[in-house]
N, C-alpha and C. Protein backbone atom coordinates (compact mmCIF):
# COMPACT_ATOMS: atom_id res chain seq x y z
N UNK A 1 29.51 -19.86 -34.92
CA UNK A 1 29.99 -21.19 -34.58
C UNK A 1 29.85 -22.20 -33.41
N UNK A 2 29.23 -23.23 -33.45
CA UNK A 2 28.87 -23.68 -32.46
C UNK A 2 30.07 -24.24 -31.60
N UNK A 3 29.56 -23.89 -30.29
CA UNK A 3 30.96 -24.48 -29.36
C UNK A 3 30.69 -25.85 -29.51
N UNK A 4 31.82 -26.73 -28.89
CA UNK A 4 31.78 -28.25 -28.90
C UNK A 4 32.72 -28.62 -27.67
N UNK A 5 32.49 -29.43 -27.14
CA UNK A 5 32.98 -29.98 -25.64
C UNK A 5 33.63 -31.30 -26.23
N UNK A 6 34.96 -31.62 -25.66
CA UNK A 6 35.24 -33.03 -25.93
C UNK A 6 34.62 -33.75 -24.59
N UNK A 7 34.85 -35.22 -24.44
CA UNK A 7 34.36 -36.13 -23.49
C UNK A 7 34.91 -35.29 -22.18
N UNK A 8 36.01 -35.41 -22.06
CA UNK A 8 36.83 -34.91 -20.66
C UNK A 8 36.14 -33.52 -20.10
N UNK A 9 35.34 -32.48 -21.37
CA UNK A 9 35.12 -31.55 -21.16
C UNK A 9 33.57 -31.75 -20.23
N UNK A 10 32.95 -32.72 -20.84
CA UNK A 10 31.53 -33.32 -20.94
C UNK A 10 31.72 -33.78 -19.35
N UNK A 11 32.33 -34.67 -19.24
CA UNK A 11 32.67 -35.38 -17.68
C UNK A 11 32.71 -34.51 -16.55
N UNK A 12 33.64 -33.21 -16.95
CA UNK A 12 33.74 -32.40 -15.98
C UNK A 12 32.74 -31.23 -15.83
N UNK A 13 31.87 -31.00 -16.60
CA UNK A 13 30.74 -30.10 -16.63
C UNK A 13 29.64 -30.88 -16.15
N UNK A 14 29.22 -32.08 -16.19
CA UNK A 14 28.41 -32.71 -15.83
C UNK A 14 28.72 -33.71 -14.70
N UNK A 15 28.86 -32.91 -13.38
CA UNK A 15 29.45 -33.99 -12.33
C UNK A 15 29.03 -35.28 -11.69
N UNK A 16 27.76 -35.27 -12.38
CA UNK A 16 27.11 -36.79 -11.79
C UNK A 16 27.45 -37.85 -13.02
N UNK A 17 28.10 -36.86 -14.12
CA UNK A 17 27.75 -38.05 -15.09
C UNK A 17 29.37 -39.07 -15.45
N UNK A 18 29.05 -40.28 -15.24
CA UNK A 18 30.66 -40.95 -15.40
C UNK A 18 30.95 -41.50 -16.74
N UNK A 19 32.39 -41.69 -17.19
CA UNK A 19 32.45 -41.95 -18.65
C UNK A 19 31.97 -43.26 -18.81
N UNK A 20 31.86 -43.93 -17.74
CA UNK A 20 30.65 -45.48 -18.62
C UNK A 20 29.44 -44.95 -18.64
N UNK A 21 28.97 -43.86 -17.95
CA UNK A 21 27.41 -43.77 -18.46
C UNK A 21 27.83 -42.78 -19.51
N UNK A 22 28.40 -42.03 -19.87
CA UNK A 22 28.70 -41.36 -21.50
C UNK A 22 28.74 -42.45 -22.26
N UNK A 23 29.55 -43.19 -22.34
CA UNK A 23 29.68 -44.25 -23.73
C UNK A 23 28.64 -45.03 -23.44
N UNK A 24 27.72 -45.24 -22.17
CA UNK A 24 25.92 -46.07 -22.34
C UNK A 24 25.47 -45.21 -23.32
N UNK A 25 25.15 -43.87 -22.76
CA UNK A 25 24.20 -42.82 -23.46
C UNK A 25 24.44 -42.60 -24.62
N UNK A 26 25.47 -42.89 -25.17
CA UNK A 26 25.92 -42.64 -26.72
C UNK A 26 25.68 -43.77 -27.50
N UNK A 27 25.96 -44.70 -26.90
CA UNK A 27 25.65 -46.34 -27.87
C UNK A 27 24.56 -46.45 -28.02
N UNK A 28 23.36 -46.33 -26.94
CA UNK A 28 22.00 -46.23 -27.38
C UNK A 28 21.60 -45.28 -27.86
N UNK A 29 22.09 -44.14 -28.21
CA UNK A 29 22.01 -42.91 -29.03
C UNK A 29 21.00 -41.85 -28.11
N UNK A 30 20.84 -42.19 -26.71
CA UNK A 30 20.07 -41.11 -26.02
C UNK A 30 21.01 -39.74 -26.06
N UNK A 31 22.36 -39.29 -26.62
CA UNK A 31 22.88 -38.17 -27.19
C UNK A 31 23.65 -38.73 -28.76
N UNK A 32 23.31 -37.79 -29.67
CA UNK A 32 24.29 -38.25 -30.81
C UNK A 32 25.06 -36.96 -31.18
N UNK A 33 26.52 -37.08 -30.34
CA UNK A 33 27.58 -36.08 -30.42
C UNK A 33 27.99 -36.07 -31.88
N UNK A 34 28.72 -34.98 -31.86
CA UNK A 34 29.92 -35.14 -33.66
C UNK A 34 30.67 -36.17 -33.42
N UNK A 35 30.96 -36.69 -34.46
CA UNK A 35 32.43 -37.54 -34.47
C UNK A 35 33.65 -36.52 -35.13
N UNK A 36 34.60 -36.59 -34.57
CA UNK A 36 35.89 -36.04 -34.93
C UNK A 36 37.09 -37.15 -34.99
N UNK A 37 38.21 -36.35 -35.45
CA UNK A 37 39.34 -36.98 -35.03
C UNK A 37 39.81 -37.59 -33.85
N UNK A 38 39.51 -36.47 -33.00
CA UNK A 38 40.07 -36.79 -31.42
C UNK A 38 38.88 -37.55 -30.83
N UNK A 39 37.79 -37.65 -31.16
CA UNK A 39 36.70 -38.53 -30.48
C UNK A 39 35.19 -37.95 -30.50
N UNK A 40 34.55 -38.00 -30.08
CA UNK A 40 33.09 -37.60 -30.04
C UNK A 40 33.24 -35.89 -29.20
N UNK A 41 32.46 -35.03 -30.04
CA UNK A 41 32.27 -33.86 -29.70
C UNK A 41 30.84 -33.46 -29.36
N UNK A 42 30.64 -32.53 -28.01
CA UNK A 42 29.42 -32.50 -27.28
C UNK A 42 28.97 -30.69 -27.43
N UNK A 43 27.77 -30.57 -27.83
CA UNK A 43 27.22 -29.30 -28.42
C UNK A 43 26.50 -28.65 -26.55
N UNK A 44 26.09 -27.73 -26.53
CA UNK A 44 25.45 -27.56 -25.34
C UNK A 44 23.93 -28.22 -25.30
N UNK A 45 23.45 -28.15 -26.35
CA UNK A 45 22.20 -28.89 -25.87
C UNK A 45 22.66 -30.75 -25.47
N UNK A 46 23.50 -31.15 -25.96
CA UNK A 46 24.04 -32.71 -25.48
C UNK A 46 24.37 -32.46 -23.82
N UNK A 47 25.14 -31.58 -23.51
CA UNK A 47 25.13 -31.46 -21.99
C UNK A 47 23.71 -30.92 -21.23
N UNK A 48 22.96 -30.39 -21.47
CA UNK A 48 21.72 -30.37 -21.17
C UNK A 48 21.06 -31.90 -21.06
N UNK A 49 20.78 -32.48 -22.31
CA UNK A 49 20.28 -33.76 -22.51
C UNK A 49 21.05 -34.72 -21.31
N UNK A 50 22.47 -34.47 -21.28
CA UNK A 50 23.14 -35.57 -20.30
C UNK A 50 22.63 -35.08 -19.14
N UNK A 51 22.73 -33.76 -18.65
CA UNK A 51 22.35 -33.55 -17.30
C UNK A 51 20.75 -33.94 -16.64
N UNK A 52 20.16 -34.07 -17.74
CA UNK A 52 18.58 -34.41 -17.84
C UNK A 52 18.34 -36.12 -17.07
N UNK A 53 19.45 -36.86 -18.33
CA UNK A 53 19.35 -38.04 -18.22
C UNK A 53 20.05 -38.28 -16.79
N UNK A 54 21.33 -37.75 -16.43
CA UNK A 54 21.69 -37.88 -15.00
C UNK A 54 20.70 -37.75 -13.82
N UNK A 55 19.81 -36.70 -14.14
CA UNK A 55 18.48 -36.57 -13.03
C UNK A 55 17.63 -37.91 -12.98
N UNK A 56 17.39 -38.26 -14.19
CA UNK A 56 16.48 -38.85 -14.30
C UNK A 56 17.09 -40.51 -13.68
N UNK A 57 18.00 -40.97 -14.39
CA UNK A 57 18.72 -42.21 -13.77
C UNK A 57 19.06 -41.91 -12.23
N UNK A 58 19.93 -41.19 -12.03
CA UNK A 58 20.10 -41.13 -10.40
C UNK A 58 19.28 -40.83 -9.44
N UNK A 59 18.24 -39.81 -9.89
CA UNK A 59 17.25 -39.27 -9.05
C UNK A 59 15.70 -40.34 -8.82
N UNK A 60 15.60 -40.64 -9.87
CA UNK A 60 14.49 -41.18 -10.13
C UNK A 60 14.73 -42.36 -10.11
N UNK A 61 15.68 -43.07 -10.17
CA UNK A 61 16.55 -44.38 -10.45
C UNK A 61 15.61 -45.07 -12.18
N UNK A 62 15.68 -44.44 -12.90
CA UNK A 62 14.71 -45.20 -14.16
C UNK A 62 16.37 -46.02 -14.70
N UNK A 63 15.85 -47.06 -15.54
CA UNK A 63 16.73 -47.83 -16.12
C UNK A 63 16.90 -47.43 -17.51
N UNK A 64 17.32 -48.24 -18.18
CA UNK A 64 17.91 -47.89 -19.63
C UNK A 64 16.50 -47.59 -20.27
N UNK A 65 15.65 -48.68 -20.33
CA UNK A 65 14.53 -48.97 -20.82
C UNK A 65 13.33 -47.41 -20.46
N UNK A 66 13.33 -47.19 -19.27
CA UNK A 66 12.67 -46.27 -18.64
C UNK A 66 13.43 -45.03 -19.04
N UNK A 67 14.55 -44.42 -19.19
CA UNK A 67 14.88 -43.85 -19.72
C UNK A 67 14.71 -43.33 -21.03
N UNK A 68 14.81 -44.83 -21.98
CA UNK A 68 14.47 -44.49 -23.48
C UNK A 68 13.30 -44.35 -23.83
N UNK A 69 12.16 -44.59 -23.45
CA UNK A 69 10.68 -44.13 -23.11
C UNK A 69 10.54 -42.58 -22.83
N UNK A 70 11.14 -42.01 -21.77
CA UNK A 70 10.98 -41.21 -21.16
C UNK A 70 11.58 -39.81 -22.01
N UNK A 71 12.91 -40.51 -22.51
CA UNK A 71 13.19 -39.49 -23.55
C UNK A 71 12.96 -39.10 -24.76
N UNK A 72 12.66 -40.39 -25.18
CA UNK A 72 11.33 -40.26 -26.82
C UNK A 72 10.23 -39.46 -26.61
N UNK A 73 9.62 -39.45 -25.48
CA UNK A 73 8.41 -38.59 -25.09
C UNK A 73 9.00 -36.79 -25.23
N UNK A 74 9.75 -36.87 -24.78
CA UNK A 74 10.47 -35.54 -24.29
C UNK A 74 10.68 -35.09 -25.84
N UNK A 75 11.40 -35.85 -26.77
CA UNK A 75 11.80 -35.55 -28.01
C UNK A 75 10.59 -35.36 -28.87
N UNK A 76 9.51 -36.36 -28.72
CA UNK A 76 7.80 -35.83 -29.13
C UNK A 76 7.86 -34.63 -28.86
N UNK A 77 7.68 -34.57 -27.86
CA UNK A 77 6.97 -33.28 -27.18
C UNK A 77 7.47 -31.98 -27.99
N UNK A 78 9.06 -32.00 -28.15
CA UNK A 78 9.88 -30.59 -28.57
C UNK A 78 9.49 -30.45 -30.21
N UNK A 79 9.60 -32.10 -31.00
CA UNK A 79 8.91 -31.64 -32.20
C UNK A 79 7.62 -31.38 -32.48
N UNK A 80 6.91 -31.74 -31.42
CA UNK A 80 5.10 -31.00 -31.48
C UNK A 80 5.49 -29.43 -31.29
N UNK A 81 6.05 -29.09 -30.17
CA UNK A 81 5.98 -27.55 -29.78
C UNK A 81 6.71 -26.59 -31.32
N UNK A 82 7.81 -27.59 -31.81
CA UNK A 82 8.36 -26.94 -33.45
C UNK A 82 7.27 -27.01 -34.58
N UNK A 83 6.42 -27.89 -34.43
CA UNK A 83 5.49 -28.02 -35.43
C UNK A 83 4.54 -26.96 -35.47
N UNK A 84 4.18 -26.71 -33.98
CA UNK A 84 3.11 -25.86 -33.36
C UNK A 84 3.66 -24.07 -33.84
N UNK A 85 5.16 -24.27 -33.65
CA UNK A 85 5.66 -22.95 -33.75
C UNK A 85 5.59 -22.37 -35.19
N UNK A 86 5.67 -23.71 -35.98
CA UNK A 86 6.09 -23.31 -37.67
C UNK A 86 4.51 -23.27 -38.25
N UNK A 87 3.34 -23.73 -37.58
CA UNK A 87 2.24 -23.30 -38.23
C UNK A 87 1.69 -21.90 -37.65
N UNK A 88 2.18 -21.52 -36.47
CA UNK A 88 1.89 -20.43 -36.04
C UNK A 88 2.46 -19.09 -36.54
N UNK A 89 3.52 -19.14 -37.03
CA UNK A 89 4.39 -18.33 -38.05
C UNK A 89 4.04 -18.44 -39.50
N UNK A 90 3.21 -19.36 -40.12
CA UNK A 90 3.17 -19.60 -41.17
C UNK A 90 1.37 -18.58 -41.07
N UNK A 91 0.87 -19.12 -40.20
CA UNK A 91 -0.40 -18.36 -39.93
C UNK A 91 -0.49 -17.02 -39.97
N UNK A 92 0.43 -16.33 -39.25
CA UNK A 92 1.07 -15.13 -38.82
C UNK A 92 1.09 -14.40 -40.11
N UNK A 93 1.93 -14.92 -41.34
CA UNK A 93 2.03 -14.86 -42.47
C UNK A 93 0.69 -14.18 -43.20
N UNK A 94 -0.49 -15.07 -43.26
CA UNK A 94 -1.60 -14.83 -43.93
C UNK A 94 -2.03 -13.39 -44.15
N UNK A 95 -2.99 -13.18 -44.68
CA UNK A 95 -3.67 -12.09 -44.79
C UNK A 95 -4.58 -11.93 -43.39
N UNK A 96 -5.00 -10.80 -43.10
CA UNK A 96 -5.80 -10.79 -41.59
C UNK A 96 -7.20 -11.74 -41.59
N UNK A 97 -7.92 -11.39 -42.81
CA UNK A 97 -9.12 -12.38 -43.07
C UNK A 97 -9.07 -13.68 -43.08
N UNK A 98 -7.62 -14.10 -43.46
CA UNK A 98 -7.59 -15.67 -43.50
C UNK A 98 -7.44 -16.05 -42.33
N UNK A 99 -6.72 -15.20 -41.56
CA UNK A 99 -5.83 -15.30 -39.88
C UNK A 99 -7.08 -15.23 -38.87
N UNK A 100 -8.21 -14.43 -39.26
CA UNK A 100 -9.41 -14.48 -38.74
C UNK A 100 -10.46 -15.65 -38.66
N UNK A 101 -10.37 -16.52 -40.17
CA UNK A 101 -11.37 -17.46 -40.17
C UNK A 101 -10.74 -18.71 -39.39
N UNK A 102 -9.32 -18.69 -39.75
CA UNK A 102 -8.60 -19.77 -38.69
C UNK A 102 -8.91 -19.66 -37.59
N UNK A 103 -9.01 -18.25 -37.05
CA UNK A 103 -8.95 -18.81 -35.42
C UNK A 103 -10.26 -18.48 -35.19
N UNK A 104 -11.63 -18.55 -35.92
CA UNK A 104 -12.76 -18.96 -35.71
C UNK A 104 -13.11 -20.32 -35.51
N UNK A 105 -12.37 -20.70 -36.52
CA UNK A 105 -12.32 -22.45 -36.52
C UNK A 105 -11.98 -23.16 -35.62
N UNK A 106 -10.45 -22.49 -35.42
CA UNK A 106 -10.07 -22.96 -33.86
C UNK A 106 -10.91 -23.12 -32.49
N UNK A 107 -11.68 -22.05 -32.93
CA UNK A 107 -12.40 -21.70 -31.64
C UNK A 107 -13.67 -22.40 -31.41
N UNK A 108 -13.79 -23.12 -32.57
CA UNK A 108 -15.15 -23.73 -32.81
C UNK A 108 -16.59 -22.93 -33.63
N UNK A 109 -15.66 -21.73 -34.31
CA UNK A 109 -16.80 -21.00 -34.75
C UNK A 109 -17.29 -21.24 -36.16
N UNK A 110 -16.60 -22.40 -36.32
CA UNK A 110 -17.11 -22.86 -37.63
C UNK A 110 -18.45 -23.81 -37.86
N UNK A 111 -18.88 -24.09 -36.79
CA UNK A 111 -20.00 -25.23 -36.80
C UNK A 111 -19.92 -26.87 -36.98
N UNK A 112 -18.92 -26.87 -36.58
CA UNK A 112 -18.41 -28.17 -36.59
C UNK A 112 -18.42 -28.93 -35.16
């Protein structure tokens, strides 16, 4: 089961996070907590993201627009890494001769 944290927990854990920052980050969808009867509930990944948002907004003085751009780029990078990992797993499951052909093509051995 995934461990969930309340808004109060998150503000206590992420020491540089104010409640108004938390509300703003949720409103602009920088974090997407689960919604429950008692309010929003956050996962560990949300806490890490909130810590990063605090670092970027406080240490680098990024405004909301810049934060949105940086977070979007980070999300795209994570998505690309997940896609690359999935492709690597798929290639690894292929017969050895097909893997060798793919490796050769990736290293310019296909004559292109």
